[in-house]
Amino acid sequence: MFRRTFWFSTGVAAGVWATTKVNRKLRQLTPESLAATAANKALEAGHRIKDRAVGFALDVRDNMAQREEELGDALGLNAPVDPEVPAPRRYTAIENRNNPKYVEGSTYRTYPYNRNEDH
């Protein structure tokens, strides 16, 4: 009698355990659950990619600044300025005139391009 009770209760426990496992798995395989799982995984992947991209951008910015310093040193741009040398003067290469048809100092008149003349 004791053996039968033992095996009966063992069978009931195994049945309850198996039923619970199957029901849990069935709930995981519903469309709503699959959609939620896919959305969560996509968000996690997006966060990982964003973190990597930000890290890459920061590395590029640091290395760019370092390379600019190296080039500035190589070209002498970061060298101290000699106080005896005057500062360079800057002249405009092209002056902006109000009348675009006439260019000062030229021997001919220039006219702006008119697209309607080609038709």
PDB file of N, CA and C in Angstrom:
ATOM      1  N   MET A   1       0.815  -1.183   0.000  1.00  0.00           N
ATOM      2  CA  MET A   1       0.000   0.000   0.000  1.00  0.00           C
ATOM      3  C   MET A   1       0.865   1.255   0.000  1.00  0.00           C
ATOM      4  N   PHE A   2       1.897   1.226   0.787  1.00  0.00           N
ATOM      5  CA  PHE A   2       2.787   2.379   0.848  1.00  0.00           C
ATOM      6  C   PHE A   2       3.453   2.601  -0.495  1.00  0.00           C
ATOM      7  N   ARG A   3       3.836   1.545  -1.201  1.00  0.00           N
ATOM      8  CA  ARG A   3       4.479   1.668  -2.512  1.00  0.00           C
ATOM      9  C   ARG A   3       3.535   2.315  -3.508  1.00  0.00           C
ATOM     10  N   ARG A   4       2.292   1.896  -3.477  1.00  0.00           N
ATOM     11  CA  ARG A   4       1.322   2.457  -4.418  1.00  0.00           C
ATOM     12  C   ARG A   4       1.101   3.944  -4.153  1.00  0.00           C
ATOM     13  N   THR A   5       1.040   4.331  -2.894  1.00  0.00           N
ATOM     14  CA  THR A   5       0.855   5.740  -2.540  1.00  0.00           C
ATOM     15  C   THR A   5       2.065   6.552  -2.980  1.00  0.00           C
ATOM     16  N   PHE A   6       3.240   6.012  -2.768  1.00  0.00           N
ATOM     17  CA  PHE A   6       4.461   6.696  -3.169  1.00  0.00           C
ATOM     18  C   PHE A   6       4.478   6.930  -4.678  1.00  0.00           C
ATOM     19  N   TRP A   7       4.201   5.878  -5.442  1.00  0.00           N
ATOM     20  CA  TRP A   7       4.240   6.014  -6.902  1.00  0.00           C
ATOM     21  C   TRP A   7       3.092   6.880  -7.425  1.00  0.00           C
ATOM     22  N   PHE A   8       1.966   6.849  -6.758  1.00  0.00           N
ATOM     23  CA  PHE A   8       0.855   7.702  -7.164  1.00  0.00           C
ATOM     24  C   PHE A   8       1.215   9.175  -6.952  1.00  0.00           C
ATOM     25  N   SER A   9       1.741   9.486  -5.787  1.00  0.00           N
ATOM     26  CA  SER A   9       2.110  10.879  -5.508  1.00  0.00           C
ATOM     27  C   SER A   9       3.271  11.333  -6.407  1.00  0.00           C
ATOM     28  N   THR A  10       4.203  10.435  -6.714  1.00  0.00           N
ATOM     29  CA  THR A  10       5.287  10.765  -7.636  1.00  0.00           C
ATOM     30  C   THR A  10       4.720  11.052  -9.020  1.00  0.00           C
ATOM     31  N   GLY A  11       3.783  10.291  -9.473  1.00  0.00           N
ATOM     32  CA  GLY A  11       3.137  10.504 -10.768  1.00  0.00           C
ATOM     33  C   GLY A  11       2.372  11.819 -10.814  1.00  0.00           C
ATOM     34  N   VAL A  12       1.656  12.120  -9.711  1.00  0.00           N
ATOM     35  CA  VAL A  12       0.920  13.386  -9.646  1.00  0.00           C
ATOM     36  C   VAL A  12       1.897  14.559  -9.697  1.00  0.00           C
ATOM     37  N   ALA A  13       2.984  14.489  -8.965  1.00  0.00           N
ATOM     38  CA  ALA A  13       3.982  15.563  -8.953  1.00  0.00           C
ATOM     39  C   ALA A  13       4.607  15.727 -10.335  1.00  0.00           C
ATOM     40  N   ALA A  14       4.931  14.631 -10.989  1.00  0.00           N
ATOM     41  CA  ALA A  14       5.510  14.701 -12.333  1.00  0.00           C
ATOM     42  C   ALA A  14       4.498  15.291 -13.313  1.00  0.00           C
ATOM     43  N   GLY A  15       3.241  14.936 -13.178  1.00  0.00           N
ATOM     44  CA  GLY A  15       2.197  15.482 -14.047  1.00  0.00           C
ATOM     45  C   GLY A  15       2.009  16.974 -13.844  1.00  0.00           C
ATOM     46  N   VAL A  16       2.014  17.416 -12.601  1.00  0.00           N
ATOM     47  CA  VAL A  16       1.885  18.843 -12.306  1.00  0.00           C
ATOM     48  C   VAL A  16       3.086  19.601 -12.853  1.00  0.00           C
ATOM     49  N   TRP A  17       4.276  19.058 -12.640  1.00  0.00           N
ATOM     50  CA  TRP A  17       5.493  19.707 -13.135  1.00  0.00           C
ATOM     51  C   TRP A  17       5.476  19.802 -14.667  1.00  0.00           C
ATOM     52  N   ALA A  18       5.111  18.706 -15.338  1.00  0.00           N
ATOM     53  CA  ALA A  18       5.089  18.695 -16.805  1.00  0.00           C
ATOM     54  C   ALA A  18       4.015  19.647 -17.333  1.00  0.00           C
ATOM     55  N   THR A  19       2.858  19.675 -16.703  1.00  0.00           N
ATOM     56  CA  THR A  19       1.788  20.569 -17.135  1.00  0.00           C
ATOM     57  C   THR A  19       2.212  22.035 -16.978  1.00  0.00           C
ATOM     58  N   THR A  20       2.868  22.328 -15.869  1.00  0.00           N
ATOM     59  CA  THR A  20       3.336  23.694 -15.641  1.00  0.00           C
ATOM     60  C   THR A  20       4.358  24.100 -16.695  1.00  0.00           C
ATOM     61  N   LYS A  21       5.291  23.227 -17.002  1.00  0.00           N
ATOM     62  CA  LYS A  21       6.316  23.513 -18.015  1.00  0.00           C
ATOM     63  C   LYS A  21       5.685  23.738 -19.382  1.00  0.00           C
ATOM     64  N   VAL A  22       4.740  22.872 -19.755  1.00  0.00           N
ATOM     65  CA  VAL A  22       4.100  22.985 -21.069  1.00  0.00           C
ATOM     66  C   VAL A  22       3.300  24.278 -21.158  1.00  0.00           C
ATOM     67  N   ASN A  23       2.543  24.604 -20.124  1.00  0.00           N
ATOM     68  CA  ASN A  23       1.752  25.843 -20.135  1.00  0.00           C
ATOM     69  C   ASN A  23       2.647  27.084 -20.202  1.00  0.00           C
ATOM     70  N   ARG A  24       3.750  27.066 -19.487  1.00  0.00           N
ATOM     71  CA  ARG A  24       4.685  28.185 -19.519  1.00  0.00           C
ATOM     72  C   ARG A  24       5.262  28.353 -20.927  1.00  0.00           C
ATOM     73  N   LYS A  25       5.624  27.256 -21.560  1.00  0.00           N
ATOM     74  CA  LYS A  25       6.181  27.305 -22.909  1.00  0.00           C
ATOM     75  C   LYS A  25       5.136  27.781 -23.911  1.00  0.00           C
ATOM     76  N   LEU A  26       3.884  27.330 -23.751  1.00  0.00           N
ATOM     77  CA  LEU A  26       2.815  27.770 -24.641  1.00  0.00           C
ATOM     78  C   LEU A  26       2.567  29.276 -24.513  1.00  0.00           C
ATOM     79  N   ARG A  27       2.648  29.799 -23.284  1.00  0.00           N
ATOM     80  CA  ARG A  27       2.487  31.240 -23.095  1.00  0.00           C
ATOM     81  C   ARG A  27       3.621  32.017 -23.751  1.00  0.00           C
ATOM     82  N   GLN A  28       4.836  31.446 -23.769  1.00  0.00           N
ATOM     83  CA  GLN A  28       5.972  32.108 -24.403  1.00  0.00           C
ATOM     84  C   GLN A  28       5.836  32.129 -25.921  1.00  0.00           C
ATOM     85  N   LEU A  29       5.090  31.201 -26.473  1.00  0.00           N
ATOM     86  CA  LEU A  29       4.977  31.097 -27.921  1.00  0.00           C
ATOM     87  C   LEU A  29       3.744  31.788 -28.492  1.00  0.00           C
ATOM     88  N   THR A  30       3.015  32.544 -27.685  1.00  0.00           N
ATOM     89  CA  THR A  30       1.892  33.308 -28.222  1.00  0.00           C
ATOM     90  C   THR A  30       2.426  34.480 -29.042  1.00  0.00           C
ATOM     91  N   PRO A  31       1.673  34.953 -30.024  1.00  0.00           N
ATOM     92  CA  PRO A  31       2.158  36.066 -30.858  1.00  0.00           C
ATOM     93  C   PRO A  31       2.506  37.321 -30.051  1.00  0.00           C
ATOM     94  N   GLU A  32       1.701  37.635 -29.039  1.00  0.00           N
ATOM     95  CA  GLU A  32       1.977  38.824 -28.226  1.00  0.00           C
ATOM     96  C   GLU A  32       3.305  38.689 -27.492  1.00  0.00           C
ATOM     97  N   SER A  33       3.531  37.504 -26.937  1.00  0.00           N
ATOM     98  CA  SER A  33       4.775  37.278 -26.207  1.00  0.00           C
ATOM     99  C   SER A  33       5.978  37.301 -27.141  1.00  0.00           C
ATOM    100  N   LEU A  34       5.828  36.696 -28.330  1.00  0.00           N
ATOM    101  CA  LEU A  34       6.930  36.721 -29.293  1.00  0.00           C
ATOM    102  C   LEU A  34       7.230  38.146 -29.758  1.00  0.00           C
ATOM    103  N   ALA A  35       6.190  38.960 -29.966  1.00  0.00           N
ATOM    104  CA  ALA A  35       6.390  40.346 -30.381  1.00  0.00           C
ATOM    105  C   ALA A  35       7.095  41.140 -29.286  1.00  0.00           C
ATOM    106  N   ALA A  36       6.680  40.933 -28.043  1.00  0.00           N
ATOM    107  CA  ALA A  36       7.322  41.647 -26.931  1.00  0.00           C
ATOM    108  C   ALA A  36       8.786  41.238 -26.791  1.00  0.00           C
ATOM    109  N   THR A  37       9.064  39.961 -26.948  1.00  0.00           N
ATOM    110  CA  THR A  37      10.441  39.485 -26.855  1.00  0.00           C
ATOM    111  C   THR A  37      11.286  40.070 -27.976  1.00  0.00           C
ATOM    112  N   ALA A  38      10.742  40.082 -29.192  1.00  0.00           N
ATOM    113  CA  ALA A  38      11.486  40.642 -30.330  1.00  0.00           C
ATOM    114  C   ALA A  38      11.744  42.130 -30.121  1.00  0.00           C
ATOM    115  N   ALA A  39      10.756  42.854 -29.607  1.00  0.00           N
ATOM    116  CA  ALA A  39      10.936  44.288 -29.358  1.00  0.00           C
ATOM    117  C   ALA A  39      12.010  44.529 -28.304  1.00  0.00           C
ATOM    118  N   ASN A  40      11.992  43.755 -27.251  1.00  0.00           N
ATOM    119  CA  ASN A  40      13.001  43.912 -26.200  1.00  0.00           C
ATOM    120  C   ASN A  40      14.406  43.626 -26.733  1.00  0.00           C
ATOM    121  N   LYS A  41      14.541  42.581 -27.537  1.00  0.00           N
ATOM    122  CA  LYS A  41      15.858  42.251 -28.092  1.00  0.00           C
ATOM    123  C   LYS A  41      16.319  43.338 -29.058  1.00  0.00           C
ATOM    124  N   ALA A  42      15.386  43.901 -29.834  1.00  0.00           N
ATOM    125  CA  ALA A  42      15.749  44.974 -30.754  1.00  0.00           C
ATOM    126  C   ALA A  42      16.207  46.213 -29.983  1.00  0.00           C
ATOM    127  N   LEU A  43      15.531  46.528 -28.892  1.00  0.00           N
ATOM    128  CA  LEU A  43      15.953  47.677 -28.080  1.00  0.00           C
ATOM    129  C   LEU A  43      17.340  47.452 -27.486  1.00  0.00           C
ATOM    130  N   GLU A  44      17.583  46.260 -26.993  1.00  0.00           N
ATOM    131  CA  GLU A  44      18.896  45.951 -26.426  1.00  0.00           C
ATOM    132  C   GLU A  44      19.982  46.074 -27.492  1.00  0.00           C
ATOM    133  N   ALA A  45      19.701  45.553 -28.690  1.00  0.00           N
ATOM    134  CA  ALA A  45      20.677  45.640 -29.777  1.00  0.00           C
ATOM    135  C   ALA A  45      20.902  47.093 -30.177  1.00  0.00           C
ATOM    136  N   GLY A  46      19.841  47.874 -30.208  1.00  0.00           N
ATOM    137  CA  GLY A  46      19.978  49.292 -30.536  1.00  0.00           C
ATOM    138  C   GLY A  46      20.828  50.030 -29.525  1.00  0.00           C
ATOM    139  N   HIS A  47      20.636  49.736 -28.248  1.00  0.00           N
ATOM    140  CA  HIS A  47      21.447  50.375 -27.213  1.00  0.00           C
ATOM    141  C   HIS A  47      22.918  49.971 -27.339  1.00  0.00           C
ATOM    142  N   ARG A  48      23.160  48.702 -27.647  1.00  0.00           N
ATOM    143  CA  ARG A  48      24.551  48.257 -27.812  1.00  0.00           C
ATOM    144  C   ARG A  48      25.209  48.962 -28.991  1.00  0.00           C
ATOM    145  N   ILE A  49      24.474  49.065 -30.103  1.00  0.00           N
ATOM    146  CA  ILE A  49      25.031  49.718 -31.289  1.00  0.00           C
ATOM    147  C   ILE A  49      25.282  51.195 -31.010  1.00  0.00           C
ATOM    148  N   LYS A  50      24.342  51.837 -30.306  1.00  0.00           N
ATOM    149  CA  LYS A  50      24.513  53.255 -29.984  1.00  0.00           C
ATOM    150  C   LYS A  50      25.741  53.469 -29.110  1.00  0.00           C
ATOM    151  N   ASP A  51      25.912  52.617 -28.113  1.00  0.00           N
ATOM    152  CA  ASP A  51      27.071  52.751 -27.232  1.00  0.00           C
ATOM    153  C   ASP A  51      28.375  52.571 -28.013  1.00  0.00           C
ATOM    154  N   ARG A  52      28.387  51.607 -28.932  1.00  0.00           N
ATOM    155  CA  ARG A  52      29.587  51.395 -29.733  1.00  0.00           C
ATOM    156  C   ARG A  52      29.846  52.572 -30.661  1.00  0.00           C
ATOM    157  N   ALA A  53      28.786  53.120 -31.243  1.00  0.00           N
ATOM    158  CA  ALA A  53      28.939  54.258 -32.165  1.00  0.00           C
ATOM    159  C   ALA A  53      29.443  55.488 -31.420  1.00  0.00           C
ATOM    160  N   VAL A  54      28.924  55.716 -30.217  1.00  0.00           N
ATOM    161  CA  VAL A  54      29.381  56.865 -29.427  1.00  0.00           C
ATOM    162  C   VAL A  54      30.846  56.682 -29.051  1.00  0.00           C
ATOM    163  N   GLY A  55      31.213  55.488 -28.660  1.00  0.00           N
ATOM    164  CA  GLY A  55      32.613  55.221 -28.334  1.00  0.00           C
ATOM    165  C   GLY A  55      33.518  55.412 -29.539  1.00  0.00           C
ATOM    166  N   PHE A  56      33.061  54.961 -30.702  1.00  0.00           N
ATOM    167  CA  PHE A  56      33.841  55.139 -31.931  1.00  0.00           C
ATOM    168  C   PHE A  56      33.989  56.614 -32.262  1.00  0.00           C
ATOM    169  N   ALA A  57      32.907  57.383 -32.140  1.00  0.00           N
ATOM    170  CA  ALA A  57      32.958  58.815 -32.450  1.00  0.00           C
ATOM    171  C   ALA A  57      33.912  59.539 -31.503  1.00  0.00           C
ATOM    172  N   LEU A  58      33.894  59.167 -30.240  1.00  0.00           N
ATOM    173  CA  LEU A  58      34.814  59.804 -29.284  1.00  0.00           C
ATOM    174  C   LEU A  58      36.266  59.453 -29.602  1.00  0.00           C
ATOM    175  N   ASP A  59      36.515  58.205 -29.993  1.00  0.00           N
ATOM    176  CA  ASP A  59      37.872  57.813 -30.378  1.00  0.00           C
ATOM    177  C   ASP A  59      38.331  58.584 -31.608  1.00  0.00           C
ATOM    178  N   VAL A  60      37.448  58.736 -32.581  1.00  0.00           N
ATOM    179  CA  VAL A  60      37.800  59.476 -33.794  1.00  0.00           C
ATOM    180  C   VAL A  60      38.108  60.924 -33.448  1.00  0.00           C
ATOM    181  N   ARG A  61      37.291  61.541 -32.596  1.00  0.00           N
ATOM    182  CA  ARG A  61      37.503  62.936 -32.225  1.00  0.00           C
ATOM    183  C   ARG A  61      38.847  63.107 -31.494  1.00  0.00           C
ATOM    184  N   ASP A  62      39.163  62.193 -30.575  1.00  0.00           N
ATOM    185  CA  ASP A  62      40.430  62.283 -29.852  1.00  0.00           C
ATOM    186  C   ASP A  62      41.619  62.134 -30.798  1.00  0.00           C
ATOM    187  N   ASN A  63      41.544  61.133 -31.680  1.00  0.00           N
ATOM    188  CA  ASN A  63      42.643  60.916 -32.610  1.00  0.00           C
ATOM    189  C   ASN A  63      42.754  62.050 -33.625  1.00  0.00           C
ATOM    190  N   MET A  64      41.634  62.652 -33.997  1.00  0.00           N
ATOM    191  CA  MET A  64      41.667  63.778 -34.919  1.00  0.00           C
ATOM    192  C   MET A  64      42.378  64.968 -34.262  1.00  0.00           C
ATOM    193  N   ALA A  65      42.070  65.248 -33.009  1.00  0.00           N
ATOM    194  CA  ALA A  65      42.729  66.351 -32.312  1.00  0.00           C
ATOM    195  C   ALA A  65      44.224  66.082 -32.169  1.00  0.00           C
ATOM    196  N   GLN A  66      44.566  64.841 -31.868  1.00  0.00           N
ATOM    197  CA  GLN A  66      45.980  64.485 -31.742  1.00  0.00           C
ATOM    198  C   GLN A  66      46.702  64.666 -33.075  1.00  0.00           C
ATOM    199  N   ARG A  67      46.077  64.241 -34.168  1.00  0.00           N
ATOM    200  CA  ARG A  67      46.699  64.368 -35.495  1.00  0.00           C
ATOM    201  C   ARG A  67      46.812  65.833 -35.904  1.00  0.00           C
ATOM    202  N   GLU A  68      45.818  66.649 -35.556  1.00  0.00           N
ATOM    203  CA  GLU A  68      45.905  68.077 -35.864  1.00  0.00           C
ATOM    204  C   GLU A  68      47.075  68.716 -35.137  1.00  0.00           C
ATOM    205  N   GLU A  69      47.303  68.321 -33.888  1.00  0.00           N
ATOM    206  CA  GLU A  69      48.463  68.842 -33.149  1.00  0.00           C
ATOM    207  C   GLU A  69      49.762  68.421 -33.824  1.00  0.00           C
ATOM    208  N   GLU A  70      49.832  67.151 -34.238  1.00  0.00           N
ATOM    209  CA  GLU A  70      51.042  66.672 -34.902  1.00  0.00           C
ATOM    210  C   GLU A  70      51.298  67.443 -36.196  1.00  0.00           C
ATOM    211  N   LEU A  71      50.241  67.657 -36.979  1.00  0.00           N
ATOM    212  CA  LEU A  71      50.407  68.402 -38.233  1.00  0.00           C
ATOM    213  C   LEU A  71      50.754  69.860 -37.968  1.00  0.00           C
ATOM    214  N   GLY A  72      50.143  70.452 -36.952  1.00  0.00           N
ATOM    215  CA  GLY A  72      50.470  71.835 -36.598  1.00  0.00           C
ATOM    216  C   GLY A  72      51.917  71.980 -36.183  1.00  0.00           C
ATOM    217  N   ASP A  73      52.427  71.016 -35.426  1.00  0.00           N
ATOM    218  CA  ASP A  73      53.839  71.046 -35.030  1.00  0.00           C
ATOM    219  C   ASP A  73      54.749  70.843 -36.237  1.00  0.00           C
ATOM    220  N   ALA A  74      54.362  69.918 -37.126  1.00  0.00           N
ATOM    221  CA  ALA A  74      55.195  69.638 -38.292  1.00  0.00           C
ATOM    222  C   ALA A  74      55.234  70.829 -39.246  1.00  0.00           C
ATOM    223  N   LEU A  75      54.139  71.559 -39.362  1.00  0.00           N
ATOM    224  CA  LEU A  75      54.093  72.707 -40.268  1.00  0.00           C
ATOM    225  C   LEU A  75      54.514  74.013 -39.605  1.00  0.00           C
ATOM    226  N   GLY A  76      54.733  73.966 -38.314  1.00  0.00           N
ATOM    227  CA  GLY A  76      55.169  75.159 -37.606  1.00  0.00           C
ATOM    228  C   GLY A  76      54.021  76.097 -37.261  1.00  0.00           C
ATOM    229  N   LEU A  77      52.828  75.620 -37.280  1.00  0.00           N
ATOM    230  CA  LEU A  77      51.684  76.476 -36.968  1.00  0.00           C
ATOM    231  C   LEU A  77      51.568  76.745 -35.477  1.00  0.00           C
ATOM    232  N   ASN A  78      52.082  75.856 -34.679  1.00  0.00           N
ATOM    233  CA  ASN A  78      51.991  76.005 -33.226  1.00  0.00           C
ATOM    234  C   ASN A  78      53.241  76.648 -32.638  1.00  0.00           C
ATOM    235  N   ALA A  79      54.154  77.067 -33.506  1.00  0.00           N
ATOM    236  CA  ALA A  79      55.396  77.682 -33.025  1.00  0.00           C
ATOM    237  C   ALA A  79      55.095  79.068 -32.461  1.00  0.00           C
ATOM    238  N   PRO A  80      55.899  79.526 -31.486  1.00  0.00           N
ATOM    239  CA  PRO A  80      55.666  80.868 -30.944  1.00  0.00           C
ATOM    240  C   PRO A  80      55.951  81.932 -32.012  1.00  0.00           C
ATOM    241  N   VAL A  81      55.181  83.002 -31.966  1.00  0.00           N
ATOM    242  CA  VAL A  81      55.309  84.071 -32.954  1.00  0.00           C
ATOM    243  C   VAL A  81      56.445  85.003 -32.538  1.00  0.00           C
ATOM    244  N   ASP A  82      57.302  85.323 -33.507  1.00  0.00           N
ATOM    245  CA  ASP A  82      58.409  86.252 -33.262  1.00  0.00           C
ATOM    246  C   ASP A  82      57.838  87.662 -33.163  1.00  0.00           C
ATOM    247  N   PRO A  83      58.110  88.403 -32.077  1.00  0.00           N
ATOM    248  CA  PRO A  83      57.508  89.728 -31.931  1.00  0.00           C
ATOM    249  C   PRO A  83      58.024  90.732 -32.968  1.00  0.00           C
ATOM    250  N   GLU A  84      59.161  90.469 -33.604  1.00  0.00           N
ATOM    251  CA  GLU A  84      59.695  91.403 -34.583  1.00  0.00           C
ATOM    252  C   GLU A  84      58.983  91.290 -35.932  1.00  0.00           C
ATOM    253  N   VAL A  85      58.366  90.143 -36.188  1.00  0.00           N
ATOM    254  CA  VAL A  85      57.680  89.941 -37.452  1.00  0.00           C
ATOM    255  C   VAL A  85      56.266  90.504 -37.332  1.00  0.00           C
ATOM    256  N   PRO A  86      55.860  91.394 -38.261  1.00  0.00           N
ATOM    257  CA  PRO A  86      54.500  91.933 -38.166  1.00  0.00           C
ATOM    258  C   PRO A  86      53.470  90.869 -38.531  1.00  0.00           C
ATOM    259  N   ALA A  87      52.283  91.092 -38.078  1.00  0.00           N
ATOM    260  CA  ALA A  87      51.201  90.160 -38.384  1.00  0.00           C
ATOM    261  C   ALA A  87      50.877  90.228 -39.868  1.00  0.00           C
ATOM    262  N   PRO A  88      50.531  89.108 -40.482  1.00  0.00           N
ATOM    263  CA  PRO A  88      50.230  89.135 -41.921  1.00  0.00           C
ATOM    264  C   PRO A  88      48.973  89.947 -42.192  1.00  0.00           C
ATOM    265  N   ARG A  89      48.996  90.682 -43.297  1.00  0.00           N
ATOM    266  CA  ARG A  89      47.833  91.472 -43.693  1.00  0.00           C
ATOM    267  C   ARG A  89      46.950  90.608 -44.565  1.00  0.00           C
ATOM    268  N   ARG A  90      45.677  90.834 -44.435  1.00  0.00           N
ATOM    269  CA  ARG A  90      44.739  90.058 -45.228  1.00  0.00           C
ATOM    270  C   ARG A  90      44.002  90.984 -46.181  1.00  0.00           C
ATOM    271  N   TYR A  91      44.067  90.618 -47.447  1.00  0.00           N
ATOM    272  CA  TYR A  91      43.355  91.368 -48.473  1.00  0.00           C
ATOM    273  C   TYR A  91      42.272  90.471 -49.062  1.00  0.00           C
ATOM    274  N   THR A  92      41.183  91.077 -49.461  1.00  0.00           N
ATOM    275  CA  THR A  92      40.136  90.283 -50.091  1.00  0.00           C
ATOM    276  C   THR A  92      40.542  89.986 -51.518  1.00  0.00           C
ATOM    277  N   ALA A  93      40.350  88.766 -51.941  1.00  0.00           N
ATOM    278  CA  ALA A  93      40.712  88.367 -53.289  1.00  0.00           C
ATOM    279  C   ALA A  93      39.695  88.899 -54.296  1.00  0.00           C
ATOM    280  N   ILE A  94      38.428  88.903 -53.945  1.00  0.00           N
ATOM    281  CA  ILE A  94      37.371  89.398 -54.816  1.00  0.00           C
ATOM    282  C   ILE A  94      36.515  90.339 -53.993  1.00  0.00           C
ATOM    283  N   GLU A  95      36.381  91.546 -54.497  1.00  0.00           N
ATOM    284  CA  GLU A  95      35.553  92.507 -53.790  1.00  0.00           C
ATOM    285  C   GLU A  95      34.119  92.382 -54.257  1.00  0.00           C
ATOM    286  N   ASN A  96      33.202  92.537 -53.351  1.00  0.00           N
ATOM    287  CA  ASN A  96      31.793  92.449 -53.670  1.00  0.00           C
ATOM    288  C   ASN A  96      31.289  93.829 -54.053  1.00  0.00           C
ATOM    289  N   ARG A  97      30.880  94.000 -55.274  1.00  0.00           N
ATOM    290  CA  ARG A  97      30.349  95.277 -55.768  1.00  0.00           C
ATOM    291  C   ARG A  97      28.837  95.163 -55.908  1.00  0.00           C
ATOM    292  N   ASN A  98      28.186  96.294 -55.811  1.00  0.00           N
ATOM    293  CA  ASN A  98      26.739  96.307 -55.972  1.00  0.00           C
ATOM    294  C   ASN A  98      26.330  96.077 -57.415  1.00  0.00           C
ATOM    295  N   ASN A  99      27.135  96.494 -58.381  1.00  0.00           N
ATOM    296  CA  ASN A  99      26.810  96.338 -59.794  1.00  0.00           C
ATOM    297  C   ASN A  99      27.584  95.142 -60.339  1.00  0.00           C
ATOM    298  N   PRO A 100      26.947  93.985 -60.512  1.00  0.00           N
ATOM    299  CA  PRO A 100      27.687  92.798 -60.945  1.00  0.00           C
ATOM    300  C   PRO A 100      28.044  92.825 -62.423  1.00  0.00           C
ATOM    301  N   LYS A 101      27.486  93.783 -63.202  1.00  0.00           N
ATOM    302  CA  LYS A 101      27.774  93.814 -64.629  1.00  0.00           C
ATOM    303  C   LYS A 101      29.131  94.432 -64.925  1.00  0.00           C
ATOM    304  N   TYR A 102      29.644  95.190 -64.014  1.00  0.00           N
ATOM    305  CA  TYR A 102      30.893  95.896 -64.276  1.00  0.00           C
ATOM    306  C   TYR A 102      31.957  95.438 -63.292  1.00  0.00           C
ATOM    307  N   VAL A 103      33.087  95.020 -63.783  1.00  0.00           N
ATOM    308  CA  VAL A 103      34.205  94.619 -62.946  1.00  0.00           C
ATOM    309  C   VAL A 103      35.273  95.690 -63.073  1.00  0.00           C
ATOM    310  N   GLU A 104      35.680  96.234 -61.942  1.00  0.00           N
ATOM    311  CA  GLU A 104      36.643  97.332 -61.942  1.00  0.00           C
ATOM    312  C   GLU A 104      38.000  96.849 -62.417  1.00  0.00           C
ATOM    313  N   GLY A 105      38.625  97.631 -63.301  1.00  0.00           N
ATOM    314  CA  GLY A 105      39.965  97.319 -63.767  1.00  0.00           C
ATOM    315  C   GLY A 105      39.992  96.424 -64.980  1.00  0.00           C
ATOM    316  N   SER A 106      38.866  95.948 -65.473  1.00  0.00           N
ATOM    317  CA  SER A 106      38.877  95.080 -66.642  1.00  0.00           C
ATOM    318  C   SER A 106      38.589  95.905 -67.884  1.00  0.00           C
ATOM    319  N   THR A 107      38.987  95.421 -69.041  1.00  0.00           N
ATOM    320  CA  THR A 107      38.794  96.145 -70.292  1.00  0.00           C
ATOM    321  C   THR A 107      37.501  95.757 -70.977  1.00  0.00           C
ATOM    322  N   TYR A 108      36.787  94.810 -70.462  1.00  0.00           N
ATOM    323  CA  TYR A 108      35.528  94.397 -71.071  1.00  0.00           C
ATOM    324  C   TYR A 108      34.454  94.300 -70.005  1.00  0.00           C
ATOM    325  N   ARG A 109      33.237  94.342 -70.455  1.00  0.00           N
ATOM    326  CA  ARG A 109      32.106  94.253 -69.540  1.00  0.00           C
ATOM    327  C   ARG A 109      31.710  92.785 -69.371  1.00  0.00           C
ATOM    328  N   THR A 110      31.360  92.402 -68.184  1.00  0.00           N
ATOM    329  CA  THR A 110      30.894  91.035 -67.934  1.00  0.00           C
ATOM    330  C   THR A 110      29.434  91.090 -67.535  1.00  0.00           C
ATOM    331  N   TYR A 111      28.696  90.123 -67.994  1.00  0.00           N
ATOM    332  CA  TYR A 111      27.275  90.043 -67.709  1.00  0.00           C
ATOM    333  C   TYR A 111      26.997  88.727 -66.984  1.00  0.00           C
ATOM    334  N   PRO A 112      26.044  88.766 -66.088  1.00  0.00           N
ATOM    335  CA  PRO A 112      25.705  87.501 -65.410  1.00  0.00           C
ATOM    336  C   PRO A 112      25.063  86.531 -66.389  1.00  0.00           C
ATOM    337  N   TYR A 113      25.207  85.293 -66.098  1.00  0.00           N
ATOM    338  CA  TYR A 113      24.654  84.240 -66.946  1.00  0.00           C
ATOM    339  C   TYR A 113      23.147  84.240 -66.823  1.00  0.00           C
ATOM    340  N   ASN A 114      22.448  84.252 -67.956  1.00  0.00           N
ATOM    341  CA  ASN A 114      20.994  84.228 -67.978  1.00  0.00           C
ATOM    342  C   ASN A 114      20.560  82.890 -68.572  1.00  0.00           C
ATOM    343  N   ARG A 115      19.863  82.110 -67.810  1.00  0.00           N
ATOM    344  CA  ARG A 115      19.470  80.774 -68.267  1.00  0.00           C
ATOM    345  C   ARG A 115      18.457  80.834 -69.405  1.00  0.00           C
ATOM    346  N   ASN A 116      17.693  81.897 -69.483  1.00  0.00           N
ATOM    347  CA  ASN A 116      16.645  81.985 -70.493  1.00  0.00           C
ATOM    348  C   ASN A 116      17.208  82.228 -71.891  1.00  0.00           C
ATOM    349  N   GLU A 117      18.446  82.651 -72.012  1.00  0.00           N
ATOM    350  CA  GLU A 117      19.026  82.903 -73.327  1.00  0.00           C
ATOM    351  C   GLU A 117      19.268  81.627 -74.116  1.00  0.00           C
ATOM    352  N   ASP A 118      19.357  80.507 -73.447  1.00  0.00           N
ATOM    353  CA  ASP A 118      19.670  79.246 -74.126  1.00  0.00           C
ATOM    354  C   ASP A 118      18.460  78.630 -74.808  1.00  0.00           C
ATOM    355  N   HIS A 119      17.282  79.110 -74.541  1.00  0.00           N
ATOM    356  CA  HIS A 119      16.070  78.473 -75.056  1.00  0.00           C
ATOM    357  C   HIS A 119      15.591  79.085 -76.331  1.00  0.00           C
TER     358      HIS A 119
END
